[in-house]
Amino acid sequence: MTIHKILPYIEQRPLMYLKTKDIYLLDSFIGGYLSCQQIYDKNFNDIDFQSNFHEWLRKKFNFDLGFTWADYIFNISQNESANSVDVFFREYHLFKKENK
């Protein structure tokens, strides 16, 4: 199962996968999932997700280098007074739409 197939499940029921709706917990989940997938899936094709999403966010919001995509999402959510996981999924859907 690719990261793109599991994220809709997390979006529907985030507290089933994360202790709290926190972007850094989601980042850890995604990182662990991708690491496990890379080790056990011979058809691993999600390797570019984090770097592509990171670069897309950085350019879209004109962020400096040296921060993670989770840091970018956290900053956006703080500026909007919104939940960081909700902001992630909003931006993730836009990212997917633009990169089909």
C-alpha atoms as a PDB file:
ATOM      1  CA  MET A   1       0.000   0.000   0.000  1.00  0.00           C
ATOM      2  CA  THR A   2       1.435   3.373  -0.989  1.00  0.00           C
ATOM      3  CA  ILE A   3       1.470   6.451   1.210  1.00  0.00           C
ATOM      4  CA  HIS A   4      -1.104   7.983  -1.129  1.00  0.00           C
ATOM      5  CA  LYS A   5      -3.476   5.099  -0.384  1.00  0.00           C
ATOM      6  CA  ILE A   6      -3.111   5.215   3.404  1.00  0.00           C
ATOM      7  CA  LEU A   7      -3.378   9.007   3.842  1.00  0.00           C
ATOM      8  CA  PRO A   8      -7.152   9.080   3.105  1.00  0.00           C
ATOM      9  CA  TYR A   9      -7.680   6.642   5.995  1.00  0.00           C
ATOM     10  CA  ILE A  10      -5.700   8.890   8.311  1.00  0.00           C
ATOM     11  CA  GLU A  11      -7.598  11.936   7.075  1.00  0.00           C
ATOM     12  CA  GLN A  12     -10.947  10.286   7.855  1.00  0.00           C
ATOM     13  CA  ARG A  13      -9.959   9.101  11.337  1.00  0.00           C
ATOM     14  CA  PRO A  14      -6.712  10.758  12.436  1.00  0.00           C
ATOM     15  CA  LEU A  15      -7.047   9.775  16.089  1.00  0.00           C
ATOM     16  CA  MET A  16      -7.117   6.124  15.095  1.00  0.00           C
ATOM     17  CA  TYR A  17      -3.541   6.514  13.809  1.00  0.00           C
ATOM     18  CA  LEU A  18      -2.178   9.423  15.867  1.00  0.00           C
ATOM     19  CA  LYS A  19      -2.406  10.061  19.606  1.00  0.00           C
ATOM     20  CA  THR A  20      -3.372  13.688  18.901  1.00  0.00           C
ATOM     21  CA  LYS A  21      -3.947  15.687  15.722  1.00  0.00           C
ATOM     22  CA  ASP A  22      -0.404  17.008  15.583  1.00  0.00           C
ATOM     23  CA  ILE A  23       1.671  17.505  12.432  1.00  0.00           C
ATOM     24  CA  TYR A  24       4.832  16.174  14.061  1.00  0.00           C
ATOM     25  CA  LEU A  25       3.081  12.919  14.991  1.00  0.00           C
ATOM     26  CA  LEU A  26       1.834  12.647  11.414  1.00  0.00           C
ATOM     27  CA  ASP A  27       5.357  13.342  10.155  1.00  0.00           C
ATOM     28  CA  SER A  28       6.699  10.525  12.361  1.00  0.00           C
ATOM     29  CA  PHE A  29       3.977   8.168  11.179  1.00  0.00           C
ATOM     30  CA  ILE A  30       4.688   8.934   7.523  1.00  0.00           C
ATOM     31  CA  GLY A  31       8.446   8.618   8.028  1.00  0.00           C
ATOM     32  CA  GLY A  32       8.064   5.264   9.763  1.00  0.00           C
ATOM     33  CA  TYR A  33       5.606   4.037   7.165  1.00  0.00           C
ATOM     34  CA  LEU A  34       7.895   5.003   4.290  1.00  0.00           C
ATOM     35  CA  SER A  35      10.916   3.412   6.004  1.00  0.00           C
ATOM     36  CA  CYS A  36       9.062   0.153   6.538  1.00  0.00           C
ATOM     37  CA  GLN A  37       7.713   0.242   3.005  1.00  0.00           C
ATOM     38  CA  GLN A  38      11.194   0.784   1.602  1.00  0.00           C
ATOM     39  CA  ILE A  39      12.549  -2.214   3.513  1.00  0.00           C
ATOM     40  CA  TYR A  40       9.748  -4.678   2.722  1.00  0.00           C
ATOM     41  CA  ASP A  41       8.213  -3.549  -0.575  1.00  0.00           C
ATOM     42  CA  LYS A  42      10.191  -4.448  -3.672  1.00  0.00           C
ATOM     43  CA  ASN A  43       7.966  -2.111  -5.702  1.00  0.00           C
ATOM     44  CA  PHE A  44       8.626   0.886  -3.437  1.00  0.00           C
ATOM     45  CA  ASN A  45       7.628   4.005  -5.335  1.00  0.00           C
ATOM     46  CA  ASP A  46       6.947   6.598  -2.622  1.00  0.00           C
ATOM     47  CA  ILE A  47      10.577   7.576  -2.102  1.00  0.00           C
ATOM     48  CA  ASP A  48      10.083  11.045  -3.538  1.00  0.00           C
ATOM     49  CA  PHE A  49       6.912  11.935  -1.617  1.00  0.00           C
ATOM     50  CA  GLN A  50       8.547  13.806   1.253  1.00  0.00           C
ATOM     51  CA  SER A  51      11.113  15.681  -0.817  1.00  0.00           C
ATOM     52  CA  ASN A  52       8.623  16.596  -3.559  1.00  0.00           C
ATOM     53  CA  PHE A  53       5.988  17.730  -1.060  1.00  0.00           C
ATOM     54  CA  HIS A  54       8.646  19.640   0.891  1.00  0.00           C
ATOM     55  CA  GLU A  55       9.891  21.477  -2.197  1.00  0.00           C
ATOM     56  CA  TRP A  56       6.350  22.220  -3.391  1.00  0.00           C
ATOM     57  CA  LEU A  57       5.441  23.761   0.010  1.00  0.00           C
ATOM     58  CA  ARG A  58       8.694  25.706   0.185  1.00  0.00           C
ATOM     59  CA  LYS A  59       8.123  27.294  -3.203  1.00  0.00           C
ATOM     60  CA  LYS A  60       4.398  27.903  -2.699  1.00  0.00           C
ATOM     61  CA  PHE A  61       4.870  29.742   0.606  1.00  0.00           C
ATOM     62  CA  ASN A  62       8.354  31.108  -0.104  1.00  0.00           C
ATOM     63  CA  PHE A  63       9.920  29.410   2.920  1.00  0.00           C
ATOM     64  CA  ASP A  64      13.641  29.287   3.628  1.00  0.00           C
ATOM     65  CA  LEU A  65      15.575  26.049   3.311  1.00  0.00           C
ATOM     66  CA  GLY A  66      16.615  24.253   6.473  1.00  0.00           C
ATOM     67  CA  PHE A  67      13.185  23.264   7.756  1.00  0.00           C
ATOM     68  CA  THR A  68      11.092  20.141   7.279  1.00  0.00           C
ATOM     69  CA  TRP A  69       7.737  20.009   5.504  1.00  0.00           C
ATOM     70  CA  ALA A  70       6.175  19.475   8.945  1.00  0.00           C
ATOM     71  CA  ASP A  71       7.771  22.741  10.129  1.00  0.00           C
ATOM     72  CA  TYR A  72       6.278  24.523   7.126  1.00  0.00           C
ATOM     73  CA  ILE A  73       2.825  23.092   7.854  1.00  0.00           C
ATOM     74  CA  PHE A  74       3.154  23.998  11.526  1.00  0.00           C
ATOM     75  CA  ASN A  75       4.003  27.610  10.640  1.00  0.00           C
ATOM     76  CA  ILE A  76       1.114  27.851   8.186  1.00  0.00           C
ATOM     77  CA  SER A  77      -1.299  26.447  10.764  1.00  0.00           C
ATOM     78  CA  GLN A  78      -0.078  28.890  13.410  1.00  0.00           C
ATOM     79  CA  ASN A  79      -0.579  31.827  11.034  1.00  0.00           C
ATOM     80  CA  GLU A  80      -4.097  30.623  10.206  1.00  0.00           C
ATOM     81  CA  SER A  81      -5.003  29.513  13.753  1.00  0.00           C
ATOM     82  CA  ALA A  82      -5.924  26.131  12.294  1.00  0.00           C
ATOM     83  CA  ASN A  83      -5.116  22.545  13.204  1.00  0.00           C
ATOM     84  CA  SER A  84      -1.844  21.498  11.597  1.00  0.00           C
ATOM     85  CA  VAL A  85      -3.129  18.096  10.431  1.00  0.00           C
ATOM     86  CA  ASP A  86      -6.114  19.753   8.756  1.00  0.00           C
ATOM     87  CA  VAL A  87      -3.739  22.185   7.035  1.00  0.00           C
ATOM     88  CA  PHE A  88      -1.561  19.268   5.926  1.00  0.00           C
ATOM     89  CA  PHE A  89      -4.466  17.523   4.224  1.00  0.00           C
ATOM     90  CA  ARG A  90      -5.636  20.713   2.562  1.00  0.00           C
ATOM     91  CA  GLU A  91      -2.167  21.327   1.140  1.00  0.00           C
ATOM     92  CA  TYR A  92      -1.628  17.643   0.349  1.00  0.00           C
ATOM     93  CA  HIS A  93      -4.762  17.587  -1.825  1.00  0.00           C
ATOM     94  CA  LEU A  94      -3.607  20.708  -3.660  1.00  0.00           C
ATOM     95  CA  PHE A  95      -0.158  19.164  -4.120  1.00  0.00           C
ATOM     96  CA  LYS A  96      -1.660  15.983  -5.557  1.00  0.00           C
ATOM     97  CA  LYS A  97      -3.943  17.938  -7.855  1.00  0.00           C
ATOM     98  CA  GLU A  98      -1.049  19.984  -9.237  1.00  0.00           C
ATOM     99  CA  ASN A  99       1.260  16.964  -9.623  1.00  0.00           C
ATOM    100  CA  LYS A 100      -0.936  14.438 -11.381  1.00  0.00           C
END
